[in-house]
Amino acid sequence: MDRRRFLRNTALTAAAAYVPDGVADDRSIQERYIRAFNASLTPAANVDIEGHTLICEFTIGPTAWKVYEDLRTRDGVITYLSA
């Protein structure tokens, strides 16, 4: 994943998380954001993090996340893996 797509998806996720419930009927705006974000996800089984550096770990709700970055190149990828 290139950095531009990563930043766009991060902004999209943040926006979806903070759209107030009363903004749209049936949470349609949140659902649209989440569908758009999920369309660009790669299954964890297909992600290769060999040689990447663990940057941090955090939990959102019941999901634990690990963030890895490929520091071998200047524009190395950043990978979020959920447990």
PDB file of N, CA and C in Angstrom:
ATOM      1  N   MET A   1       0.852  -1.170   0.000  1.00  0.00           N
ATOM      2  CA  MET A   1       0.000   0.000   0.000  1.00  0.00           C
ATOM      3  C   MET A   1       0.897   1.232   0.000  1.00  0.00           C
ATOM      4  N   ASP A   2       0.665   2.159  -0.919  1.00  0.00           N
ATOM      5  CA  ASP A   2       1.481   3.358  -0.925  1.00  0.00           C
ATOM      6  C   ASP A   2       0.997   4.341   0.142  1.00  0.00           C
ATOM      7  N   ARG A   3       1.838   5.296   0.485  1.00  0.00           N
ATOM      8  CA  ARG A   3       1.535   6.220   1.585  1.00  0.00           C
ATOM      9  C   ARG A   3       0.298   7.070   1.308  1.00  0.00           C
ATOM     10  N   ARG A   4       0.104   7.477   0.064  1.00  0.00           N
ATOM     11  CA  ARG A   4      -1.059   8.313  -0.253  1.00  0.00           C
ATOM     12  C   ARG A   4      -2.361   7.552   0.026  1.00  0.00           C
ATOM     13  N   ARG A   5      -2.419   6.302  -0.417  1.00  0.00           N
ATOM     14  CA  ARG A   5      -3.614   5.486  -0.166  1.00  0.00           C
ATOM     15  C   ARG A   5      -3.774   5.213   1.322  1.00  0.00           C
ATOM     16  N   PHE A   6      -2.651   4.975   2.022  1.00  0.00           N
ATOM     17  CA  PHE A   6      -2.701   4.756   3.463  1.00  0.00           C
ATOM     18  C   PHE A   6      -3.291   5.973   4.173  1.00  0.00           C
ATOM     19  N   LEU A   7      -2.801   7.168   3.848  1.00  0.00           N
ATOM     20  CA  LEU A   7      -3.295   8.383   4.504  1.00  0.00           C
ATOM     21  C   LEU A   7      -4.769   8.620   4.184  1.00  0.00           C
ATOM     22  N   ARG A   8      -5.166   8.374   2.935  1.00  0.00           N
ATOM     23  CA  ARG A   8      -6.574   8.532   2.567  1.00  0.00           C
ATOM     24  C   ARG A   8      -7.454   7.577   3.370  1.00  0.00           C
ATOM     25  N   ASN A   9      -7.026   6.322   3.480  1.00  0.00           N
ATOM     26  CA  ASN A   9      -7.810   5.336   4.219  1.00  0.00           C
ATOM     27  C   ASN A   9      -7.860   5.649   5.705  1.00  0.00           C
ATOM     28  N   THR A  10      -6.757   6.162   6.255  1.00  0.00           N
ATOM     29  CA  THR A  10      -6.749   6.541   7.666  1.00  0.00           C
ATOM     30  C   THR A  10      -7.735   7.677   7.915  1.00  0.00           C
ATOM     31  N   ALA A  11      -7.735   8.674   7.036  1.00  0.00           N
ATOM     32  CA  ALA A  11      -8.678   9.786   7.175  1.00  0.00           C
ATOM     33  C   ALA A  11     -10.118   9.301   7.027  1.00  0.00           C
ATOM     34  N   LEU A  12     -10.344   8.395   6.097  1.00  0.00           N
ATOM     35  CA  LEU A  12     -11.678   7.840   5.879  1.00  0.00           C
ATOM     36  C   LEU A  12     -12.171   7.093   7.108  1.00  0.00           C
ATOM     37  N   THR A  13     -11.299   6.314   7.722  1.00  0.00           N
ATOM     38  CA  THR A  13     -11.659   5.562   8.920  1.00  0.00           C
ATOM     39  C   THR A  13     -11.970   6.493  10.076  1.00  0.00           C
ATOM     40  N   ALA A  14     -11.143   7.511  10.250  1.00  0.00           N
ATOM     41  CA  ALA A  14     -11.378   8.475  11.327  1.00  0.00           C
ATOM     42  C   ALA A  14     -12.713   9.183  11.124  1.00  0.00           C
ATOM     43  N   ALA A  15     -13.007   9.556   9.895  1.00  0.00           N
ATOM     44  CA  ALA A  15     -14.277  10.221   9.612  1.00  0.00           C
ATOM     45  C   ALA A  15     -15.456   9.305   9.910  1.00  0.00           C
ATOM     46  N   ALA A  16     -15.359   8.051   9.520  1.00  0.00           N
ATOM     47  CA  ALA A  16     -16.448   7.099   9.761  1.00  0.00           C
ATOM     48  C   ALA A  16     -16.667   6.873  11.243  1.00  0.00           C
ATOM     49  N   ALA A  17     -15.601   6.878  12.003  1.00  0.00           N
ATOM     50  CA  ALA A  17     -15.719   6.619  13.438  1.00  0.00           C
ATOM     51  C   ALA A  17     -16.398   7.763  14.172  1.00  0.00           C
ATOM     52  N   TYR A  18     -16.316   8.976  13.621  1.00  0.00           N
ATOM     53  CA  TYR A  18     -16.824  10.129  14.348  1.00  0.00           C
ATOM     54  C   TYR A  18     -18.049  10.778  13.730  1.00  0.00           C
ATOM     55  N   VAL A  19     -18.649  10.163  12.723  1.00  0.00           N
ATOM     56  CA  VAL A  19     -19.900  10.684  12.184  1.00  0.00           C
ATOM     57  C   VAL A  19     -20.983  10.446  13.227  1.00  0.00           C
ATOM     58  N   PRO A  20     -21.641  11.517  13.696  1.00  0.00           N
ATOM     59  CA  PRO A  20     -22.685  11.328  14.712  1.00  0.00           C
ATOM     60  C   PRO A  20     -23.807  10.432  14.208  1.00  0.00           C
ATOM     61  N   ASP A  21     -24.389   9.672  15.122  1.00  0.00           N
ATOM     62  CA  ASP A  21     -25.447   8.730  14.753  1.00  0.00           C
ATOM     63  C   ASP A  21     -26.657   9.413  14.124  1.00  0.00           C
ATOM     64  N   GLY A  22     -26.984  10.628  14.540  1.00  0.00           N
ATOM     65  CA  GLY A  22     -28.180  11.300  14.057  1.00  0.00           C
ATOM     66  C   GLY A  22     -28.011  11.999  12.730  1.00  0.00           C
ATOM     67  N   VAL A  23     -26.839  11.937  12.112  1.00  0.00           N
ATOM     68  CA  VAL A  23     -26.589  12.672  10.881  1.00  0.00           C
ATOM     69  C   VAL A  23     -27.382  12.100   9.710  1.00  0.00           C
ATOM     70  N   ALA A  24     -27.521  10.821   9.633  1.00  0.00           N
ATOM     71  CA  ALA A  24     -28.231  10.201   8.517  1.00  0.00           C
ATOM     72  C   ALA A  24     -29.107   9.068   9.029  1.00  0.00           C
ATOM     73  N   ASP A  25     -30.148   8.801   8.267  1.00  0.00           N
ATOM     74  CA  ASP A  25     -31.028   7.694   8.625  1.00  0.00           C
ATOM     75  C   ASP A  25     -30.280   6.379   8.480  1.00  0.00           C
ATOM     76  N   ASP A  26     -30.507   5.493   9.425  1.00  0.00           N
ATOM     77  CA  ASP A  26     -29.947   4.140   9.379  1.00  0.00           C
ATOM     78  C   ASP A  26     -28.425   4.117   9.244  1.00  0.00           C
ATOM     79  N   ARG A  27     -27.782   5.129   9.743  1.00  0.00           N
ATOM     80  CA  ARG A  27     -26.311   5.184   9.747  1.00  0.00           C
ATOM     81  C   ARG A  27     -25.731   4.999   8.343  1.00  0.00           C
ATOM     82  N   SER A  28     -26.445   5.488   7.333  1.00  0.00           N
ATOM     83  CA  SER A  28     -26.025   5.250   5.946  1.00  0.00           C
ATOM     84  C   SER A  28     -24.679   5.887   5.615  1.00  0.00           C
ATOM     85  N   ILE A  29     -24.384   7.042   6.176  1.00  0.00           N
ATOM     86  CA  ILE A  29     -23.102   7.685   5.883  1.00  0.00           C
ATOM     87  C   ILE A  29     -21.967   6.868   6.478  1.00  0.00           C
ATOM     88  N   GLN A  30     -22.119   6.444   7.728  1.00  0.00           N
ATOM     89  CA  GLN A  30     -21.081   5.620   8.350  1.00  0.00           C
ATOM     90  C   GLN A  30     -20.880   4.332   7.560  1.00  0.00           C
ATOM     91  N   GLU A  31     -21.956   3.705   7.169  1.00  0.00           N
ATOM     92  CA  GLU A  31     -21.856   2.450   6.427  1.00  0.00           C
ATOM     93  C   GLU A  31     -21.147   2.652   5.091  1.00  0.00           C
ATOM     94  N   ARG A  32     -21.401   3.769   4.430  1.00  0.00           N
ATOM     95  CA  ARG A  32     -20.749   4.053   3.153  1.00  0.00           C
ATOM     96  C   ARG A  32     -19.238   4.229   3.337  1.00  0.00           C
ATOM     97  N   TYR A  33     -18.851   4.974   4.378  1.00  0.00           N
ATOM     98  CA  TYR A  33     -17.422   5.147   4.675  1.00  0.00           C
ATOM     99  C   TYR A  33     -16.772   3.800   4.985  1.00  0.00           C
ATOM    100  N   ILE A  34     -17.418   3.008   5.796  1.00  0.00           N
ATOM    101  CA  ILE A  34     -16.839   1.724   6.197  1.00  0.00           C
ATOM    102  C   ILE A  34     -16.728   0.784   4.999  1.00  0.00           C
ATOM    103  N   ARG A  35     -17.736   0.761   4.135  1.00  0.00           N
ATOM    104  CA  ARG A  35     -17.667  -0.080   2.930  1.00  0.00           C
ATOM    105  C   ARG A  35     -16.513   0.351   2.023  1.00  0.00           C
ATOM    106  N   ALA A  36     -16.344   1.661   1.864  1.00  0.00           N
ATOM    107  CA  ALA A  36     -15.252   2.163   1.017  1.00  0.00           C
ATOM    108  C   ALA A  36     -13.896   1.776   1.590  1.00  0.00           C
ATOM    109  N   PHE A  37     -13.766   1.869   2.903  1.00  0.00           N
ATOM    110  CA  PHE A  37     -12.505   1.500   3.542  1.00  0.00           C
ATOM    111  C   PHE A  37     -12.254   0.003   3.426  1.00  0.00           C
ATOM    112  N   ASN A  38     -13.260  -0.795   3.725  1.00  0.00           N
ATOM    113  CA  ASN A  38     -13.096  -2.252   3.697  1.00  0.00           C
ATOM    114  C   ASN A  38     -12.759  -2.772   2.305  1.00  0.00           C
ATOM    115  N   ALA A  39     -13.185  -2.067   1.275  1.00  0.00           N
ATOM    116  CA  ALA A  39     -12.910  -2.505  -0.090  1.00  0.00           C
ATOM    117  C   ALA A  39     -11.418  -2.496  -0.397  1.00  0.00           C
ATOM    118  N   SER A  40     -10.644  -1.693   0.343  1.00  0.00           N
ATOM    119  CA  SER A  40      -9.212  -1.597   0.058  1.00  0.00           C
ATOM    120  C   SER A  40      -8.356  -2.423   1.009  1.00  0.00           C
ATOM    121  N   LEU A  41      -8.975  -3.182   1.908  1.00  0.00           N
ATOM    122  CA  LEU A  41      -8.212  -3.974   2.865  1.00  0.00           C
ATOM    123  C   LEU A  41      -7.672  -5.252   2.227  1.00  0.00           C
ATOM    124  N   THR A  42      -6.548  -5.707   2.748  1.00  0.00           N
ATOM    125  CA  THR A  42      -5.941  -6.966   2.319  1.00  0.00           C
ATOM    126  C   THR A  42      -6.051  -7.950   3.468  1.00  0.00           C
ATOM    127  N   PRO A  43      -6.496  -9.187   3.228  1.00  0.00           N
ATOM    128  CA  PRO A  43      -6.564 -10.169   4.318  1.00  0.00           C
ATOM    129  C   PRO A  43      -5.192 -10.357   4.972  1.00  0.00           C
ATOM    130  N   ALA A  44      -5.180 -10.497   6.292  1.00  0.00           N
ATOM    131  CA  ALA A  44      -3.923 -10.610   7.047  1.00  0.00           C
ATOM    132  C   ALA A  44      -3.073 -11.779   6.566  1.00  0.00           C
ATOM    133  N   ALA A  45      -3.706 -12.838   6.101  1.00  0.00           N
ATOM    134  CA  ALA A  45      -2.952 -14.003   5.634  1.00  0.00           C
ATOM    135  C   ALA A  45      -2.101 -13.667   4.409  1.00  0.00           C
ATOM    136  N   ASN A  46      -2.481 -12.631   3.663  1.00  0.00           N
ATOM    137  CA  ASN A  46      -1.760 -12.246   2.446  1.00  0.00           C
ATOM    138  C   ASN A  46      -0.714 -11.163   2.676  1.00  0.00           C
ATOM    139  N   VAL A  47      -0.537 -10.720   3.919  1.00  0.00           N
ATOM    140  CA  VAL A  47       0.385  -9.627   4.216  1.00  0.00           C
ATOM    141  C   VAL A  47       1.724 -10.190   4.679  1.00  0.00           C
ATOM    142  N   ASP A  48       2.799  -9.724   4.040  1.00  0.00           N
ATOM    143  CA  ASP A  48       4.144 -10.159   4.413  1.00  0.00           C
ATOM    144  C   ASP A  48       4.816  -9.051   5.219  1.00  0.00           C
ATOM    145  N   ILE A  49       5.067  -9.304   6.507  1.00  0.00           N
ATOM    146  CA  ILE A  49       5.720  -8.302   7.352  1.00  0.00           C
ATOM    147  C   ILE A  49       7.149  -8.705   7.705  1.00  0.00           C
ATOM    148  N   GLU A  50       7.675  -9.680   7.001  1.00  0.00           N
ATOM    149  CA  GLU A  50       9.060 -10.106   7.241  1.00  0.00           C
ATOM    150  C   GLU A  50      10.000  -8.931   6.982  1.00  0.00           C
ATOM    151  N   GLY A  51      10.849  -8.625   7.954  1.00  0.00           N
ATOM    152  CA  GLY A  51      11.793  -7.526   7.831  1.00  0.00           C
ATOM    153  C   GLY A  51      11.228  -6.180   8.239  1.00  0.00           C
ATOM    154  N   HIS A  52       9.946  -6.127   8.581  1.00  0.00           N
ATOM    155  CA  HIS A  52       9.333  -4.872   9.013  1.00  0.00           C
ATOM    156  C   HIS A  52       9.548  -4.686  10.516  1.00  0.00           C
ATOM    157  N   THR A  53       9.488  -3.443  10.961  1.00  0.00           N
ATOM    158  CA  THR A  53       9.712  -3.106  12.366  1.00  0.00           C
ATOM    159  C   THR A  53       8.376  -2.858  13.051  1.00  0.00           C
ATOM    160  N   LEU A  54       8.179  -3.476  14.220  1.00  0.00           N
ATOM    161  CA  LEU A  54       6.969  -3.222  15.005  1.00  0.00           C
ATOM    162  C   LEU A  54       7.062  -1.806  15.557  1.00  0.00           C
ATOM    163  N   ILE A  55       6.100  -0.969  15.221  1.00  0.00           N
ATOM    164  CA  ILE A  55       6.098   0.427  15.648  1.00  0.00           C
ATOM    165  C   ILE A  55       5.310   0.597  16.938  1.00  0.00           C
ATOM    166  N   CYS A  56       4.111   0.030  16.998  1.00  0.00           N
ATOM    167  CA  CYS A  56       3.302   0.155  18.210  1.00  0.00           C
ATOM    168  C   CYS A  56       2.196  -0.892  18.213  1.00  0.00           C
ATOM    169  N   GLU A  57       1.538  -1.004  19.364  1.00  0.00           N
ATOM    170  CA  GLU A  57       0.370  -1.861  19.538  1.00  0.00           C
ATOM    171  C   GLU A  57      -0.697  -1.046  20.249  1.00  0.00           C
ATOM    172  N   PHE A  58      -1.949  -1.232  19.866  1.00  0.00           N
ATOM    173  CA  PHE A  58      -3.043  -0.534  20.533  1.00  0.00           C
ATOM    174  C   PHE A  58      -4.316  -1.356  20.399  1.00  0.00           C
ATOM    175  N   THR A  59      -5.318  -0.975  21.173  1.00  0.00           N
ATOM    176  CA  THR A  59      -6.605  -1.670  21.163  1.00  0.00           C
ATOM    177  C   THR A  59      -7.711  -0.659  20.907  1.00  0.00           C
ATOM    178  N   ILE A  60      -8.599  -0.999  20.002  1.00  0.00           N
ATOM    179  CA  ILE A  60      -9.810  -0.209  19.766  1.00  0.00           C
ATOM    180  C   ILE A  60     -10.971  -1.153  19.991  1.00  0.00           C
ATOM    181  N   GLY A  61     -11.745  -0.873  21.031  1.00  0.00           N
ATOM    182  CA  GLY A  61     -12.829  -1.778  21.396  1.00  0.00           C
ATOM    183  C   GLY A  61     -12.258  -3.146  21.701  1.00  0.00           C
ATOM    184  N   PRO A  62     -12.831  -4.194  21.140  1.00  0.00           N
ATOM    185  CA  PRO A  62     -12.335  -5.547  21.422  1.00  0.00           C
ATOM    186  C   PRO A  62     -11.176  -5.983  20.517  1.00  0.00           C
ATOM    187  N   THR A  63     -10.772  -5.129  19.573  1.00  0.00           N
ATOM    188  CA  THR A  63      -9.764  -5.518  18.592  1.00  0.00           C
ATOM    189  C   THR A  63      -8.387  -4.966  18.943  1.00  0.00           C
ATOM    190  N   ALA A  64      -7.406  -5.860  19.032  1.00  0.00           N
ATOM    191  CA  ALA A  64      -6.012  -5.461  19.262  1.00  0.00           C
ATOM    192  C   ALA A  64      -5.329  -5.283  17.905  1.00  0.00           C
ATOM    193  N   TRP A  65      -4.532  -4.237  17.770  1.00  0.00           N
ATOM    194  CA  TRP A  65      -3.843  -3.926  16.524  1.00  0.00           C
ATOM    195  C   TRP A  65      -2.345  -3.857  16.747  1.00  0.00           C
ATOM    196  N   LYS A  66      -1.580  -4.219  15.716  1.00  0.00           N
ATOM    197  CA  LYS A  66      -0.132  -4.034  15.694  1.00  0.00           C
ATOM    198  C   LYS A  66       0.194  -3.257  14.424  1.00  0.00           C
ATOM    199  N   VAL A  67       1.108  -2.299  14.555  1.00  0.00           N
ATOM    200  CA  VAL A  67       1.499  -1.474  13.415  1.00  0.00           C
ATOM    201  C   VAL A  67       2.963  -1.751  13.095  1.00  0.00           C
ATOM    202  N   TYR A  68       3.223  -2.102  11.849  1.00  0.00           N
ATOM    203  CA  TYR A  68       4.573  -2.387  11.374  1.00  0.00           C
ATOM    204  C   TYR A  68       4.929  -1.396  10.272  1.00  0.00           C
ATOM    205  N   GLU A  69       6.235  -1.066  10.183  1.00  0.00           N
ATOM    206  CA  GLU A  69       6.708  -0.218   9.090  1.00  0.00           C
ATOM    207  C   GLU A  69       7.964  -0.837   8.491  1.00  0.00           C
ATOM    208  N   ASP A  70       8.044  -0.778   7.177  1.00  0.00           N
ATOM    209  CA  ASP A  70       9.231  -1.264   6.479  1.00  0.00           C
ATOM    210  C   ASP A  70      10.239  -0.124   6.441  1.00  0.00           C
ATOM    211  N   LEU A  71      11.244  -0.193   7.308  1.00  0.00           N
ATOM    212  CA  LEU A  71      12.246   0.867   7.409  1.00  0.00           C
ATOM    213  C   LEU A  71      13.439   0.626   6.485  1.00  0.00           C
ATOM    214  N   ARG A  72      13.354  -0.393   5.660  1.00  0.00           N
ATOM    215  CA  ARG A  72      14.465  -0.693   4.752  1.00  0.00           C
ATOM    216  C   ARG A  72      14.522   0.275   3.582  1.00  0.00           C
ATOM    217  N   THR A  73      13.396   0.914   3.275  1.00  0.00           N
ATOM    218  CA  THR A  73      13.362   1.884   2.181  1.00  0.00           C
ATOM    219  C   THR A  73      12.765   3.189   2.683  1.00  0.00           C
ATOM    220  N   ARG A  74      13.068   4.265   1.975  1.00  0.00           N
ATOM    221  CA  ARG A  74      12.596   5.585   2.395  1.00  0.00           C
ATOM    222  C   ARG A  74      11.070   5.655   2.442  1.00  0.00           C
ATOM    223  N   ASP A  75      10.411   5.094   1.470  1.00  0.00           N
ATOM    224  CA  ASP A  75       8.948   5.105   1.404  1.00  0.00           C
ATOM    225  C   ASP A  75       8.384   3.739   1.751  1.00  0.00           C
ATOM    226  N   GLY A  76       8.921   3.131   2.814  1.00  0.00           N
ATOM    227  CA  GLY A  76       8.463   1.806   3.219  1.00  0.00           C
ATOM    228  C   GLY A  76       6.999   1.811   3.626  1.00  0.00           C
ATOM    229  N   VAL A  77       6.354   0.696   3.426  1.00  0.00           N
ATOM    230  CA  VAL A  77       4.927   0.587   3.721  1.00  0.00           C
ATOM    231  C   VAL A  77       4.677   0.562   5.226  1.00  0.00           C
ATOM    232  N   ILE A  78       3.493   0.991   5.609  1.00  0.00           N
ATOM    233  CA  ILE A  78       3.014   0.893   6.985  1.00  0.00           C
ATOM    234  C   ILE A  78       1.869  -0.107   6.955  1.00  0.00           C
ATOM    235  N   THR A  79       1.924  -1.090   7.839  1.00  0.00           N
ATOM    236  CA  THR A  79       0.934  -2.162   7.844  1.00  0.00           C
ATOM    237  C   THR A  79       0.261  -2.245   9.199  1.00  0.00           C
ATOM    238  N   TYR A  80      -1.068  -2.231   9.206  1.00  0.00           N
ATOM    239  CA  TYR A  80      -1.860  -2.432  10.416  1.00  0.00           C
ATOM    240  C   TYR A  80      -2.388  -3.859  10.379  1.00  0.00           C
ATOM    241  N   LEU A  81      -2.129  -4.622  11.430  1.00  0.00           N
ATOM    242  CA  LEU A  81      -2.653  -5.986  11.524  1.00  0.00           C
ATOM    243  C   LEU A  81      -3.545  -6.098  12.747  1.00  0.00           C
ATOM    244  N   SER A  82      -4.754  -6.573  12.556  1.00  0.00           N
ATOM    245  CA  SER A  82      -5.640  -6.793  13.702  1.00  0.00           C
ATOM    246  C   SER A  82      -5.480  -8.223  14.183  1.00  0.00           C
ATOM    247  N   ALA A  83      -5.615  -8.394  15.486  1.00  0.00           N
ATOM    248  CA  ALA A  83      -5.440  -9.728  16.074  1.00  0.00           C
ATOM    249  C   ALA A  83      -6.724 -10.507  16.015  1.00  0.00           C
TER     250      ALA A  83
END
